[in-house]
């Protein structure tokens, strides 16, 4: 005689696998989104660093101006 709970267990396991399949299907899009966000953050940081370097360079070259910390 077969286990009477077997069909229920099969159904429950299939539901678990369906849910896991959806999670895995969404991961590539989530990874792409995060990579895009990190790319934007990197570009913003690079621009800000360049601007600060330019400002520091301009302040150091300006006549009659003291460098910060003096």
PDB file of N, CA and C in Angstrom:
ATOM      1  N   UNK A   1       0.841  -1.191   0.000  1.00  0.00           N
ATOM      2  CA  UNK A   1       0.000   0.000   0.000  1.00  0.00           C
ATOM      3  C   UNK A   1       0.879   1.244   0.000  1.00  0.00           C
ATOM      4  N   UNK A   2       0.497   2.225  -0.793  1.00  0.00           N
ATOM      5  CA  UNK A   2       1.243   3.478  -0.885  1.00  0.00           C
ATOM      6  C   UNK A   2       0.938   4.374   0.311  1.00  0.00           C
ATOM      7  N   UNK A   3       1.898   5.188   0.607  1.00  0.00           N
ATOM      8  CA  UNK A   3       1.730   6.172   1.684  1.00  0.00           C
ATOM      9  C   UNK A   3       0.646   7.161   1.255  1.00  0.00           C
ATOM     10  N   UNK A   4      -0.419   7.317   2.045  1.00  0.00           N
ATOM     11  CA  UNK A   4      -1.502   8.232   1.658  1.00  0.00           C
ATOM     12  C   UNK A   4      -1.059   9.699   1.626  1.00  0.00           C
ATOM     13  N   UNK A   5       0.036  10.017   2.289  1.00  0.00           N
ATOM     14  CA  UNK A   5       0.524  11.403   2.299  1.00  0.00           C
ATOM     15  C   UNK A   5       1.436  11.697   1.110  1.00  0.00           C
ATOM     16  N   UNK A   6       1.779  10.691   0.344  1.00  0.00           N
ATOM     17  CA  UNK A   6       2.725  10.851  -0.757  1.00  0.00           C
ATOM     18  C   UNK A   6       2.275  11.893  -1.787  1.00  0.00           C
ATOM     19  N   UNK A   7       1.041  11.855  -2.280  1.00  0.00           N
ATOM     20  CA  UNK A   7       0.622  12.887  -3.247  1.00  0.00           C
ATOM     21  C   UNK A   7       0.725  14.305  -2.666  1.00  0.00           C
ATOM     22  N   UNK A   8       0.378  14.454  -1.393  1.00  0.00           N
ATOM     23  CA  UNK A   8       0.461  15.764  -0.739  1.00  0.00           C
ATOM     24  C   UNK A   8       1.915  16.226  -0.642  1.00  0.00           C
ATOM     25  N   UNK A   9       2.814  15.317  -0.302  1.00  0.00           N
ATOM     26  CA  UNK A   9       4.232  15.645  -0.198  1.00  0.00           C
ATOM     27  C   UNK A   9       4.813  16.025  -1.558  1.00  0.00           C
ATOM     28  N   UNK A  10       4.380  15.312  -2.598  1.00  0.00           N
ATOM     29  CA  UNK A  10       4.837  15.635  -3.945  1.00  0.00           C
ATOM     30  C   UNK A  10       4.376  17.029  -4.350  1.00  0.00           C
ATOM     31  N   UNK A  11       3.123  17.324  -4.082  1.00  0.00           N
ATOM     32  CA  UNK A  11       2.566  18.640  -4.410  1.00  0.00           C
ATOM     33  C   UNK A  11       3.303  19.746  -3.653  1.00  0.00           C
ATOM     34  N   UNK A  12       3.561  19.518  -2.376  1.00  0.00           N
ATOM     35  CA  UNK A  12       4.260  20.517  -1.566  1.00  0.00           C
ATOM     36  C   UNK A  12       5.677  20.731  -2.088  1.00  0.00           C
ATOM     37  N   UNK A  13       6.360  19.663  -2.451  1.00  0.00           N
ATOM     38  CA  UNK A  13       7.729  19.785  -2.960  1.00  0.00           C
ATOM     39  C   UNK A  13       7.754  20.514  -4.301  1.00  0.00           C
ATOM     40  N   UNK A  14       6.781  20.221  -5.158  1.00  0.00           N
ATOM     41  CA  UNK A  14       6.703  20.936  -6.439  1.00  0.00           C
ATOM     42  C   UNK A  14       6.487  22.419  -6.212  1.00  0.00           C
ATOM     43  N   UNK A  15       5.658  22.782  -5.243  1.00  0.00           N
ATOM     44  CA  UNK A  15       5.426  24.192  -4.930  1.00  0.00           C
ATOM     45  C   UNK A  15       6.722  24.852  -4.444  1.00  0.00           C
ATOM     46  N   UNK A  16       7.479  24.136  -3.604  1.00  0.00           N
ATOM     47  CA  UNK A  16       8.767  24.663  -3.132  1.00  0.00           C
ATOM     48  C   UNK A  16       9.716  24.901  -4.305  1.00  0.00           C
ATOM     49  N   UNK A  17       9.764  23.944  -5.222  1.00  0.00           N
ATOM     50  CA  UNK A  17      10.646  24.073  -6.375  1.00  0.00           C
ATOM     51  C   UNK A  17      10.197  25.196  -7.307  1.00  0.00           C
ATOM     52  N   UNK A  18       8.896  25.374  -7.466  1.00  0.00           N
ATOM     53  CA  UNK A  18       8.391  26.481  -8.276  1.00  0.00           C
ATOM     54  C   UNK A  18       8.819  27.821  -7.676  1.00  0.00           C
ATOM     55  N   UNK A  19       8.690  27.925  -6.359  1.00  0.00           N
ATOM     56  CA  UNK A  19       9.072  29.160  -5.669  1.00  0.00           C
ATOM     57  C   UNK A  19      10.575  29.419  -5.824  1.00  0.00           C
ATOM     58  N   UNK A  20      11.364  28.381  -5.640  1.00  0.00           N
ATOM     59  CA  UNK A  20      12.821  28.507  -5.782  1.00  0.00           C
ATOM     60  C   UNK A  20      13.196  28.879  -7.211  1.00  0.00           C
ATOM     61  N   UNK A  21      12.495  28.304  -8.169  1.00  0.00           N
ATOM     62  CA  UNK A  21      12.734  28.630  -9.576  1.00  0.00           C
ATOM     63  C   UNK A  21      12.479  30.098  -9.866  1.00  0.00           C
ATOM     64  N   UNK A  22      11.422  30.647  -9.282  1.00  0.00           N
ATOM     65  CA  UNK A  22      11.132  32.076  -9.462  1.00  0.00           C
ATOM     66  C   UNK A  22      12.236  32.931  -8.863  1.00  0.00           C
ATOM     67  N   UNK A  23      12.690  32.561  -7.669  1.00  0.00           N
ATOM     68  CA  UNK A  23      13.768  33.309  -7.021  1.00  0.00           C
ATOM     69  C   UNK A  23      15.019  33.311  -7.901  1.00  0.00           C
ATOM     70  N   UNK A  24      15.366  32.145  -8.419  1.00  0.00           N
ATOM     71  CA  UNK A  24      16.560  32.039  -9.262  1.00  0.00           C
ATOM     72  C   UNK A  24      16.399  32.810 -10.567  1.00  0.00           C
ATOM     73  N   UNK A  25      15.198  32.819 -11.113  1.00  0.00           N
ATOM     74  CA  UNK A  25      14.951  33.546 -12.359  1.00  0.00           C
ATOM     75  C   UNK A  25      15.096  35.052 -12.150  1.00  0.00           C
ATOM     76  N   UNK A  26      14.778  35.552 -10.957  1.00  0.00           N
ATOM     77  CA  UNK A  26      14.865  36.983 -10.667  1.00  0.00           C
ATOM     78  C   UNK A  26      16.282  37.433 -10.344  1.00  0.00           C
ATOM     79  N   UNK A  27      17.137  36.528  -9.933  1.00  0.00           N
ATOM     80  CA  UNK A  27      18.479  36.915  -9.500  1.00  0.00           C
ATOM     81  C   UNK A  27      19.296  37.614 -10.579  1.00  0.00           C
ATOM     82  N   UNK A  28      19.304  37.156 -11.826  1.00  0.00           N
ATOM     83  CA  UNK A  28      20.121  37.874 -12.820  1.00  0.00           C
ATOM     84  C   UNK A  28      19.727  39.346 -12.958  1.00  0.00           C
ATOM     85  N   UNK A  29      18.448  39.636 -12.927  1.00  0.00           N
ATOM     86  CA  UNK A  29      17.996  41.025 -13.036  1.00  0.00           C
ATOM     87  C   UNK A  29      18.438  41.824 -11.813  1.00  0.00           C
ATOM     88  N   UNK A  30      18.365  41.221 -10.640  1.00  0.00           N
ATOM     89  CA  UNK A  30      18.791  41.903  -9.425  1.00  0.00           C
ATOM     90  C   UNK A  30      20.291  42.181  -9.459  1.00  0.00           C
ATOM     91  N   UNK A  31      21.052  41.231  -9.958  1.00  0.00           N
ATOM     92  CA  UNK A  31      22.503  41.402 -10.070  1.00  0.00           C
ATOM     93  C   UNK A  31      22.813  42.524 -11.052  1.00  0.00           C
ATOM     94  N   UNK A  32      22.152  42.523 -12.208  1.00  0.00           N
ATOM     95  CA  UNK A  32      22.361  43.593 -13.203  1.00  0.00           C
ATOM     96  C   UNK A  32      22.045  44.953 -12.615  1.00  0.00           C
ATOM     97  N   UNK A  33      20.923  45.057 -11.902  1.00  0.00           N
ATOM     98  CA  UNK A  33      20.533  46.337 -11.303  1.00  0.00           C
ATOM     99  C   UNK A  33      21.583  46.826 -10.318  1.00  0.00           C
ATOM    100  N   UNK A  34      22.064  45.928  -9.464  1.00  0.00           N
ATOM    101  CA  UNK A  34      23.053  46.330  -8.471  1.00  0.00           C
ATOM    102  C   UNK A  34      24.366  46.724  -9.141  1.00  0.00           C
ATOM    103  N   UNK A  35      24.776  45.990 -10.174  1.00  0.00           N
ATOM    104  CA  UNK A  35      25.997  46.337 -10.902  1.00  0.00           C
ATOM    105  C   UNK A  35      25.860  47.714 -11.538  1.00  0.00           C
ATOM    106  N   UNK A  36      24.685  48.011 -12.101  1.00  0.00           N
ATOM    107  CA  UNK A  36      24.445  49.326 -12.703  1.00  0.00           C
ATOM    108  C   UNK A  36      24.543  50.424 -11.651  1.00  0.00           C
ATOM    109  N   UNK A  37      23.943  50.187 -10.485  1.00  0.00           N
ATOM    110  CA  UNK A  37      23.988  51.170  -9.401  1.00  0.00           C
ATOM    111  C   UNK A  37      25.424  51.409  -8.935  1.00  0.00           C
ATOM    112  N   UNK A  38      26.204  50.337  -8.830  1.00  0.00           N
ATOM    113  CA  UNK A  38      27.599  50.479  -8.417  1.00  0.00           C
ATOM    114  C   UNK A  38      28.409  51.213  -9.479  1.00  0.00           C
ATOM    115  N   UNK A  39      28.084  51.006 -10.736  1.00  0.00           N
ATOM    116  CA  UNK A  39      28.755  51.740 -11.808  1.00  0.00           C
ATOM    117  C   UNK A  39      28.486  53.231 -11.707  1.00  0.00           C
ATOM    118  N   UNK A  40      27.244  53.588 -11.447  1.00  0.00           N
ATOM    119  CA  UNK A  40      26.886  55.003 -11.280  1.00  0.00           C
ATOM    120  C   UNK A  40      27.610  55.583 -10.068  1.00  0.00           C
ATOM    121  N   UNK A  41      27.600  54.852  -8.962  1.00  0.00           N
ATOM    122  CA  UNK A  41      28.276  55.333  -7.748  1.00  0.00           C
ATOM    123  C   UNK A  41      29.767  55.534  -8.011  1.00  0.00           C
ATOM    124  N   UNK A  42      30.380  54.628  -8.758  1.00  0.00           N
ATOM    125  CA  UNK A  42      31.799  54.764  -9.082  1.00  0.00           C
ATOM    126  C   UNK A  42      32.077  56.001  -9.919  1.00  0.00           C
ATOM    127  N   UNK A  43      31.208  56.267 -10.894  1.00  0.00           N
ATOM    128  CA  UNK A  43      31.391  57.463 -11.736  1.00  0.00           C
ATOM    129  C   UNK A  43      31.208  58.742 -10.922  1.00  0.00           C
ATOM    130  N   UNK A  44      30.232  58.751 -10.026  1.00  0.00           N
ATOM    131  CA  UNK A  44      30.017  59.925  -9.170  1.00  0.00           C
ATOM    132  C   UNK A  44      31.242  60.157  -8.295  1.00  0.00           C
ATOM    133  N   UNK A  45      31.780  59.112  -7.703  1.00  0.00           N
ATOM    134  CA  UNK A  45      32.960  59.227  -6.860  1.00  0.00           C
ATOM    135  C   UNK A  45      34.150  59.744  -7.663  1.00  0.00           C
ATOM    136  N   UNK A  46      34.317  59.229  -8.871  1.00  0.00           N
ATOM    137  CA  UNK A  46      35.422  59.664  -9.725  1.00  0.00           C
ATOM    138  C   UNK A  46      35.309  61.151 -10.056  1.00  0.00           C
ATOM    139  N   UNK A  47      34.111  61.593 -10.417  1.00  0.00           N
ATOM    140  CA  UNK A  47      33.902  63.022 -10.738  1.00  0.00           C
ATOM    141  C   UNK A  47      34.146  63.899  -9.521  1.00  0.00           C
ATOM    142  N   UNK A  48      33.642  63.470  -8.370  1.00  0.00           N
ATOM    143  CA  UNK A  48      33.833  64.260  -7.154  1.00  0.00           C
ATOM    144  C   UNK A  48      35.317  64.344  -6.808  1.00  0.00           C
ATOM    145  N   UNK A  49      36.039  63.250  -6.969  1.00  0.00           N
ATOM    146  CA  UNK A  49      37.471  63.251  -6.686  1.00  0.00           C
ATOM    147  C   UNK A  49      38.205  64.184  -7.634  1.00  0.00           C
ATOM    148  N   UNK A  50      37.831  64.164  -8.909  1.00  0.00           N
ATOM    149  CA  UNK A  50      38.453  65.064  -9.887  1.00  0.00           C
ATOM    150  C   UNK A  50      38.174  66.517  -9.545  1.00  0.00           C
ATOM    151  N   UNK A  51      36.935  66.813  -9.160  1.00  0.00           N
ATOM    152  CA  UNK A  51      36.583  68.190  -8.805  1.00  0.00           C
ATOM    153  C   UNK A  51      37.366  68.658  -7.587  1.00  0.00           C
ATOM    154  N   UNK A  52      37.484  67.788  -6.581  1.00  0.00           N
ATOM    155  CA  UNK A  52      38.253  68.163  -5.386  1.00  0.00           C
ATOM    156  C   UNK A  52      39.714  68.374  -5.729  1.00  0.00           C
ATOM    157  N   UNK A  53      40.265  67.519  -6.588  1.00  0.00           N
ATOM    158  CA  UNK A  53      41.661  67.672  -6.998  1.00  0.00           C
ATOM    159  C   UNK A  53      41.837  68.983  -7.752  1.00  0.00           C
ATOM    160  N   UNK A  54      40.898  69.314  -8.632  1.00  0.00           N
ATOM    161  CA  UNK A  54      40.966  70.579  -9.374  1.00  0.00           C
ATOM    162  C   UNK A  54      40.878  71.760  -8.418  1.00  0.00           C
ATOM    163  N   UNK A  55      39.973  71.700  -7.446  1.00  0.00           N
ATOM    164  CA  UNK A  55      39.828  72.795  -6.486  1.00  0.00           C
ATOM    165  C   UNK A  55      41.089  72.947  -5.643  1.00  0.00           C
ATOM    166  N   UNK A  56      41.659  71.825  -5.229  1.00  0.00           N
ATOM    167  CA  UNK A  56      42.900  71.882  -4.449  1.00  0.00           C
ATOM    168  C   UNK A  56      44.024  72.469  -5.286  1.00  0.00           C
ATOM    169  N   UNK A  57      44.088  72.067  -6.540  1.00  0.00           N
ATOM    170  CA  UNK A  57      45.119  72.588  -7.435  1.00  0.00           C
ATOM    171  C   UNK A  57      44.944  74.063  -7.681  1.00  0.00           C
ATOM    172  N   UNK A  58      43.717  74.529  -7.863  1.00  0.00           N
ATOM    173  CA  UNK A  58      43.444  75.946  -8.089  1.00  0.00           C
ATOM    174  C   UNK A  58      43.777  76.760  -6.854  1.00  0.00           C
ATOM    175  N   UNK A  59      43.435  76.258  -5.689  1.00  0.00           N
ATOM    176  CA  UNK A  59      43.701  76.980  -4.445  1.00  0.00           C
ATOM    177  C   UNK A  59      45.195  77.067  -4.199  1.00  0.00           C
ATOM    178  N   UNK A  60      45.939  76.042  -4.525  1.00  0.00           N
ATOM    179  CA  UNK A  60      47.382  76.046  -4.292  1.00  0.00           C
ATOM    180  C   UNK A  60      48.075  76.991  -5.261  1.00  0.00           C
ATOM    181  N   UNK A  61      47.538  77.184  -6.461  1.00  0.00           N
ATOM    182  CA  UNK A  61      48.167  78.052  -7.461  1.00  0.00           C
ATOM    183  C   UNK A  61      47.747  79.511  -7.322  1.00  0.00           C
ATOM    184  N   UNK A  62      46.661  79.790  -6.614  1.00  0.00           N
ATOM    185  CA  UNK A  62      46.160  81.159  -6.505  1.00  0.00           C
ATOM    186  C   UNK A  62      47.119  82.008  -5.681  1.00  0.00           C
ATOM    187  N   UNK A  63      47.538  83.172  -6.200  1.00  0.00           N
ATOM    188  CA  UNK A  63      48.469  84.039  -5.451  1.00  0.00           C
ATOM    189  C   UNK A  63      47.811  84.618  -4.208  1.00  0.00           C
ATOM    190  N   UNK A  64      48.590  84.682  -3.147  1.00  0.00           N
ATOM    191  CA  UNK A  64      48.094  85.267  -1.921  1.00  0.00           C
ATOM    192  C   UNK A  64      47.192  84.352  -1.109  1.00  0.00           C
ATOM    193  N   UNK A  65      47.072  83.116  -1.485  1.00  0.00           N
ATOM    194  CA  UNK A  65      46.213  82.180  -0.755  1.00  0.00           C
ATOM    195  C   UNK A  65      47.070  81.160  -0.063  1.00  0.00           C
ATOM    196  N   UNK A  66      46.671  80.824   1.131  1.00  0.00           N
ATOM    197  CA  UNK A  66      47.385  79.811   1.891  1.00  0.00           C
ATOM    198  C   UNK A  66      46.735  78.463   1.680  1.00  0.00           C
ATOM    199  N   UNK A  67      47.533  77.432   1.667  1.00  0.00           N
ATOM    200  CA  UNK A  67      46.994  76.080   1.565  1.00  0.00           C
ATOM    201  C   UNK A  67      46.281  75.742   2.851  1.00  0.00           C
ATOM    202  N   UNK A  68      45.291  74.881   2.788  1.00  0.00           N
ATOM    203  CA  UNK A  68      44.540  74.481   3.977  1.00  0.00           C
ATOM    204  C   UNK A  68      45.470  73.855   4.997  1.00  0.00           C
ATOM    205  N   UNK A  69      45.227  74.142   6.249  1.00  0.00           N
ATOM    206  CA  UNK A  69      46.015  73.544   7.330  1.00  0.00           C
ATOM    207  C   UNK A  69      47.210  74.386   7.746  1.00  0.00           C
ATOM    208  N   UNK A  70      47.396  75.534   7.113  1.00  0.00           N
ATOM    209  CA  UNK A  70      48.527  76.404   7.492  1.00  0.00           C
ATOM    210  C   UNK A  70      48.044  77.622   8.218  1.00  0.00           C
TER     211      UNK A  70
END
